[in-house]
Amino acid sequence: MSKSALSFAILTLMAVVVSYLIPDQAPAFTTLARITAGVFFTLFIAALIVGRRFKFDPVLR
């Protein structure tokens, strides 16, 4: 896992925790935290895809 993917995974977890810790009297902040978690999760998946390295073995065994 690349450093950027790890960073986005941690940010996603932090945003989810914040969304659960915000009181119910602030629905706008809860919605904002959940949207932020979704964005960070999308960036995490993108970082996993981009950071994946394919090894090419020209010798077929």
PDB file of N, CA and C in Angstrom:
ATOM      1  N   MET A   1       0.855  -1.167   0.000  1.00  0.00           N
ATOM      2  CA  MET A   1       0.000   0.000   0.000  1.00  0.00           C
ATOM      3  C   MET A   1       0.901   1.230   0.000  1.00  0.00           C
ATOM      4  N   SER A   2       0.585   2.182  -0.846  1.00  0.00           N
ATOM      5  CA  SER A   2       1.392   3.384  -0.941  1.00  0.00           C
ATOM      6  C   SER A   2       1.119   4.317   0.240  1.00  0.00           C
ATOM      7  N   LYS A   3       1.991   5.280   0.387  1.00  0.00           N
ATOM      8  CA  LYS A   3       1.837   6.234   1.495  1.00  0.00           C
ATOM      9  C   LYS A   3       0.572   7.074   1.329  1.00  0.00           C
ATOM     10  N   SER A   4       0.254   7.443   0.100  1.00  0.00           N
ATOM     11  CA  SER A   4      -0.949   8.244  -0.118  1.00  0.00           C
ATOM     12  C   SER A   4      -2.209   7.436   0.173  1.00  0.00           C
ATOM     13  N   ALA A   5      -2.205   6.159  -0.189  1.00  0.00           N
ATOM     14  CA  ALA A   5      -3.367   5.312   0.103  1.00  0.00           C
ATOM     15  C   ALA A   5      -3.540   5.147   1.606  1.00  0.00           C
ATOM     16  N   LEU A   6      -2.448   4.971   2.311  1.00  0.00           N
ATOM     17  CA  LEU A   6      -2.511   4.852   3.762  1.00  0.00           C
ATOM     18  C   LEU A   6      -3.026   6.149   4.389  1.00  0.00           C
ATOM     19  N   SER A   7      -2.573   7.281   3.867  1.00  0.00           N
ATOM     20  CA  SER A   7      -3.037   8.581   4.374  1.00  0.00           C
ATOM     21  C   SER A   7      -4.540   8.759   4.158  1.00  0.00           C
ATOM     22  N   PHE A   8      -5.020   8.397   2.978  1.00  0.00           N
ATOM     23  CA  PHE A   8      -6.449   8.533   2.700  1.00  0.00           C
ATOM     24  C   PHE A   8      -7.274   7.561   3.540  1.00  0.00           C
ATOM     25  N   ALA A   9      -6.737   6.383   3.825  1.00  0.00           N
ATOM     26  CA  ALA A   9      -7.451   5.437   4.683  1.00  0.00           C
ATOM     27  C   ALA A   9      -7.580   5.997   6.100  1.00  0.00           C
ATOM     28  N   ILE A  10      -6.517   6.584   6.608  1.00  0.00           N
ATOM     29  CA  ILE A  10      -6.564   7.180   7.946  1.00  0.00           C
ATOM     30  C   ILE A  10      -7.518   8.365   7.975  1.00  0.00           C
ATOM     31  N   LEU A  11      -7.484   9.202   6.940  1.00  0.00           N
ATOM     32  CA  LEU A  11      -8.398  10.352   6.875  1.00  0.00           C
ATOM     33  C   LEU A  11      -9.851   9.899   6.787  1.00  0.00           C
ATOM     34  N   THR A  12     -10.099   8.812   6.065  1.00  0.00           N
ATOM     35  CA  THR A  12     -11.451   8.272   5.986  1.00  0.00           C
ATOM     36  C   THR A  12     -11.940   7.819   7.354  1.00  0.00           C
ATOM     37  N   LEU A  13     -11.105   7.078   8.063  1.00  0.00           N
ATOM     38  CA  LEU A  13     -11.484   6.615   9.396  1.00  0.00           C
ATOM     39  C   LEU A  13     -11.713   7.783  10.347  1.00  0.00           C
ATOM     40  N   MET A  14     -10.886   8.810  10.252  1.00  0.00           N
ATOM     41  CA  MET A  14     -11.059   9.980  11.115  1.00  0.00           C
ATOM     42  C   MET A  14     -12.369  10.700  10.809  1.00  0.00           C
ATOM     43  N   ALA A  15     -12.715  10.819   9.532  1.00  0.00           N
ATOM     44  CA  ALA A  15     -13.963  11.491   9.165  1.00  0.00           C
ATOM     45  C   ALA A  15     -15.180  10.697   9.632  1.00  0.00           C
ATOM     46  N   VAL A  16     -15.101   9.367   9.572  1.00  0.00           N
ATOM     47  CA  VAL A  16     -16.212   8.539  10.049  1.00  0.00           C
ATOM     48  C   VAL A  16     -16.366   8.676  11.562  1.00  0.00           C
ATOM     49  N   VAL A  17     -15.261   8.669  12.279  1.00  0.00           N
ATOM     50  CA  VAL A  17     -15.317   8.831  13.731  1.00  0.00           C
ATOM     51  C   VAL A  17     -15.882  10.196  14.101  1.00  0.00           C
ATOM     52  N   VAL A  18     -15.467  11.229  13.395  1.00  0.00           N
ATOM     53  CA  VAL A  18     -15.986  12.576  13.665  1.00  0.00           C
ATOM     54  C   VAL A  18     -17.480  12.636  13.391  1.00  0.00           C
ATOM     55  N   SER A  19     -17.939  11.971  12.335  1.00  0.00           N
ATOM     56  CA  SER A  19     -19.374  12.005  12.026  1.00  0.00           C
ATOM     57  C   SER A  19     -20.200  11.346  13.121  1.00  0.00           C
ATOM     58  N   TYR A  20     -19.631  10.343  13.796  1.00  0.00           N
ATOM     59  CA  TYR A  20     -20.352   9.708  14.898  1.00  0.00           C
ATOM     60  C   TYR A  20     -20.228  10.473  16.209  1.00  0.00           C
ATOM     61  N   LEU A  21     -19.181  11.262  16.355  1.00  0.00           N
ATOM     62  CA  LEU A  21     -18.987  12.002  17.599  1.00  0.00           C
ATOM     63  C   LEU A  21     -19.724  13.338  17.636  1.00  0.00           C
ATOM     64  N   ILE A  22     -20.125  13.842  16.472  1.00  0.00           N
ATOM     65  CA  ILE A  22     -20.851  15.118  16.424  1.00  0.00           C
ATOM     66  C   ILE A  22     -22.253  14.909  17.006  1.00  0.00           C
ATOM     67  N   PRO A  23     -22.702  15.821  17.848  1.00  0.00           N
ATOM     68  CA  PRO A  23     -24.047  15.673  18.427  1.00  0.00           C
ATOM     69  C   PRO A  23     -25.144  15.701  17.364  1.00  0.00           C
ATOM     70  N   ASP A  24     -26.294  15.147  17.716  1.00  0.00           N
ATOM     71  CA  ASP A  24     -27.416  15.083  16.774  1.00  0.00           C
ATOM     72  C   ASP A  24     -28.033  16.452  16.495  1.00  0.00           C
ATOM     73  N   GLN A  25     -27.694  17.456  17.290  1.00  0.00           N
ATOM     74  CA  GLN A  25     -28.252  18.780  17.082  1.00  0.00           C
ATOM     75  C   GLN A  25     -27.588  19.509  15.915  1.00  0.00           C
ATOM     76  N   ALA A  26     -26.538  18.956  15.353  1.00  0.00           N
ATOM     77  CA  ALA A  26     -25.824  19.597  14.247  1.00  0.00           C
ATOM     78  C   ALA A  26     -25.852  18.689  13.013  1.00  0.00           C
ATOM     79  N   PRO A  27     -27.010  18.599  12.351  1.00  0.00           N
ATOM     80  CA  PRO A  27     -27.091  17.679  11.204  1.00  0.00           C
ATOM     81  C   PRO A  27     -26.254  18.134  10.007  1.00  0.00           C
ATOM     82  N   ALA A  28     -26.025  19.431   9.871  1.00  0.00           N
ATOM     83  CA  ALA A  28     -25.232  19.912   8.737  1.00  0.00           C
ATOM     84  C   ALA A  28     -23.784  19.437   8.859  1.00  0.00           C
ATOM     85  N   PHE A  29     -23.236  19.476  10.063  1.00  0.00           N
ATOM     86  CA  PHE A  29     -21.862  19.036  10.258  1.00  0.00           C
ATOM     87  C   PHE A  29     -21.734  17.522  10.099  1.00  0.00           C
ATOM     88  N   THR A  30     -22.750  16.794  10.524  1.00  0.00           N
ATOM     89  CA  THR A  30     -22.742  15.343  10.346  1.00  0.00           C
ATOM     90  C   THR A  30     -22.759  14.990   8.865  1.00  0.00           C
ATOM     91  N   THR A  31     -23.592  15.676   8.104  1.00  0.00           N
ATOM     92  CA  THR A  31     -23.655  15.449   6.658  1.00  0.00           C
ATOM     93  C   THR A  31     -22.334  15.805   5.997  1.00  0.00           C
ATOM     94  N   LEU A  32     -21.747  16.917   6.421  1.00  0.00           N
ATOM     95  CA  LEU A  32     -20.462  17.337   5.864  1.00  0.00           C
ATOM     96  C   LEU A  32     -19.366  16.314   6.181  1.00  0.00           C
ATOM     97  N   ALA A  33     -19.364  15.776   7.389  1.00  0.00           N
ATOM     98  CA  ALA A  33     -18.360  14.777   7.760  1.00  0.00           C
ATOM     99  C   ALA A  33     -18.547  13.494   6.953  1.00  0.00           C
ATOM    100  N   ARG A  34     -19.790  13.115   6.688  1.00  0.00           N
ATOM    101  CA  ARG A  34     -20.032  11.899   5.895  1.00  0.00           C
ATOM    102  C   ARG A  34     -19.648  12.098   4.437  1.00  0.00           C
ATOM    103  N   ILE A  35     -19.911  13.282   3.901  1.00  0.00           N
ATOM    104  CA  ILE A  35     -19.487  13.587   2.525  1.00  0.00           C
ATOM    105  C   ILE A  35     -17.972  13.570   2.436  1.00  0.00           C
ATOM    106  N   THR A  36     -17.317  14.142   3.438  1.00  0.00           N
ATOM    107  CA  THR A  36     -15.854  14.149   3.478  1.00  0.00           C
ATOM    108  C   THR A  36     -15.317  12.724   3.550  1.00  0.00           C
ATOM    109  N   ALA A  37     -15.946  11.870   4.339  1.00  0.00           N
ATOM    110  CA  ALA A  37     -15.526  10.473   4.426  1.00  0.00           C
ATOM    111  C   ALA A  37     -15.679   9.781   3.072  1.00  0.00           C
ATOM    112  N   GLY A  38     -16.754  10.084   2.358  1.00  0.00           N
ATOM    113  CA  GLY A  38     -16.945   9.503   1.033  1.00  0.00           C
ATOM    114  C   GLY A  38     -15.899   9.948   0.034  1.00  0.00           C
ATOM    115  N   VAL A  39     -15.545  11.217   0.093  1.00  0.00           N
ATOM    116  CA  VAL A  39     -14.511  11.746  -0.810  1.00  0.00           C
ATOM    117  C   VAL A  39     -13.160  11.102  -0.502  1.00  0.00           C
ATOM    118  N   PHE A  40     -12.817  11.021   0.775  1.00  0.00           N
ATOM    119  CA  PHE A  40     -11.542  10.410   1.152  1.00  0.00           C
ATOM    120  C   PHE A  40     -11.514   8.924   0.791  1.00  0.00           C
ATOM    121  N   PHE A  41     -12.654   8.234   0.919  1.00  0.00           N
ATOM    122  CA  PHE A  41     -12.702   6.825   0.544  1.00  0.00           C
ATOM    123  C   PHE A  41     -12.506   6.654  -0.959  1.00  0.00           C
ATOM    124  N   THR A  42     -13.111   7.542  -1.743  1.00  0.00           N
ATOM    125  CA  THR A  42     -12.931   7.495  -3.195  1.00  0.00           C
ATOM    126  C   THR A  42     -11.474   7.737  -3.563  1.00  0.00           C
ATOM    127  N   LEU A  43     -10.844   8.709  -2.897  1.00  0.00           N
ATOM    128  CA  LEU A  43      -9.420   8.972  -3.152  1.00  0.00           C
ATOM    129  C   LEU A  43      -8.548   7.802  -2.702  1.00  0.00           C
ATOM    130  N   PHE A  44      -8.949   7.120  -1.630  1.00  0.00           N
ATOM    131  CA  PHE A  44      -8.227   5.930  -1.170  1.00  0.00           C
ATOM    132  C   PHE A  44      -8.260   4.835  -2.229  1.00  0.00           C
ATOM    133  N   ILE A  45      -9.437   4.581  -2.783  1.00  0.00           N
ATOM    134  CA  ILE A  45      -9.562   3.556  -3.828  1.00  0.00           C
ATOM    135  C   ILE A  45      -8.749   3.945  -5.062  1.00  0.00           C
ATOM    136  N   ALA A  46      -8.799   5.230  -5.434  1.00  0.00           N
ATOM    137  CA  ALA A  46      -8.022   5.697  -6.589  1.00  0.00           C
ATOM    138  C   ALA A  46      -6.524   5.541  -6.336  1.00  0.00           C
ATOM    139  N   ALA A  47      -6.077   5.845  -5.119  1.00  0.00           N
ATOM    140  CA  ALA A  47      -4.657   5.703  -4.793  1.00  0.00           C
ATOM    141  C   ALA A  47      -4.234   4.237  -4.815  1.00  0.00           C
ATOM    142  N   LEU A  48      -5.133   3.337  -4.409  1.00  0.00           N
ATOM    143  CA  LEU A  48      -4.806   1.913  -4.490  1.00  0.00           C
ATOM    144  C   LEU A  48      -4.662   1.460  -5.942  1.00  0.00           C
ATOM    145  N   ILE A  49      -5.531   1.956  -6.802  1.00  0.00           N
ATOM    146  CA  ILE A  49      -5.476   1.566  -8.214  1.00  0.00           C
ATOM    147  C   ILE A  49      -4.238   2.141  -8.883  1.00  0.00           C
ATOM    148  N   VAL A  50      -3.948   3.409  -8.630  1.00  0.00           N
ATOM    149  CA  VAL A  50      -2.798   4.056  -9.265  1.00  0.00           C
ATOM    150  C   VAL A  50      -1.489   3.492  -8.718  1.00  0.00           C
ATOM    151  N   GLY A  51      -1.450   3.193  -7.429  1.00  0.00           N
ATOM    152  CA  GLY A  51      -0.227   2.713  -6.814  1.00  0.00           C
ATOM    153  C   GLY A  51       0.092   1.259  -7.084  1.00  0.00           C
ATOM    154  N   ARG A  52      -0.811   0.575  -7.716  1.00  0.00           N
ATOM    155  CA  ARG A  52      -0.588  -0.839  -7.994  1.00  0.00           C
ATOM    156  C   ARG A  52       0.420  -0.986  -9.124  1.00  0.00           C
ATOM    157  N   ARG A  53       1.387  -1.836  -8.900  1.00  0.00           N
ATOM    158  CA  ARG A  53       2.421  -2.033  -9.911  1.00  0.00           C
ATOM    159  C   ARG A  53       2.298  -3.452 -10.477  1.00  0.00           C
ATOM    160  N   PHE A  54       2.326  -3.517 -11.791  1.00  0.00           N
ATOM    161  CA  PHE A  54       2.259  -4.804 -12.458  1.00  0.00           C
ATOM    162  C   PHE A  54       3.671  -5.215 -12.862  1.00  0.00           C
ATOM    163  N   LYS A  55       4.027  -6.442 -12.571  1.00  0.00           N
ATOM    164  CA  LYS A  55       5.330  -6.955 -12.964  1.00  0.00           C
ATOM    165  C   LYS A  55       5.156  -7.766 -14.238  1.00  0.00           C
ATOM    166  N   PHE A  56       5.950  -7.440 -15.219  1.00  0.00           N
ATOM    167  CA  PHE A  56       5.879  -8.132 -16.505  1.00  0.00           C
ATOM    168  C   PHE A  56       7.017  -9.121 -16.586  1.00  0.00           C
ATOM    169  N   ASP A  57       6.677 -10.369 -16.788  1.00  0.00           N
ATOM    170  CA  ASP A  57       7.676 -11.426 -16.927  1.00  0.00           C
ATOM    171  C   ASP A  57       7.644 -11.908 -18.375  1.00  0.00           C
ATOM    172  N   PRO A  58       8.636 -11.512 -19.166  1.00  0.00           N
ATOM    173  CA  PRO A  58       8.599 -11.887 -20.584  1.00  0.00           C
ATOM    174  C   PRO A  58       8.819 -13.378 -20.825  1.00  0.00           C
ATOM    175  N   VAL A  59       9.375 -14.086 -19.852  1.00  0.00           N
ATOM    176  CA  VAL A  59       9.612 -15.521 -19.995  1.00  0.00           C
ATOM    177  C   VAL A  59       8.392 -16.262 -19.482  1.00  0.00           C
ATOM    178  N   LEU A  60       7.703 -16.926 -20.382  1.00  0.00           N
ATOM    179  CA  LEU A  60       6.535 -17.696 -19.980  1.00  0.00           C
ATOM    180  C   LEU A  60       6.966 -19.068 -19.529  1.00  0.00           C
ATOM    181  N   ARG A  61       6.672 -19.408 -18.322  1.00  0.00           N
ATOM    182  CA  ARG A  61       7.133 -20.687 -17.773  1.00  0.00           C
ATOM    183  C   ARG A  61       6.017 -21.691 -17.747  1.00  0.00           C
TER     184      ARG A  61
END
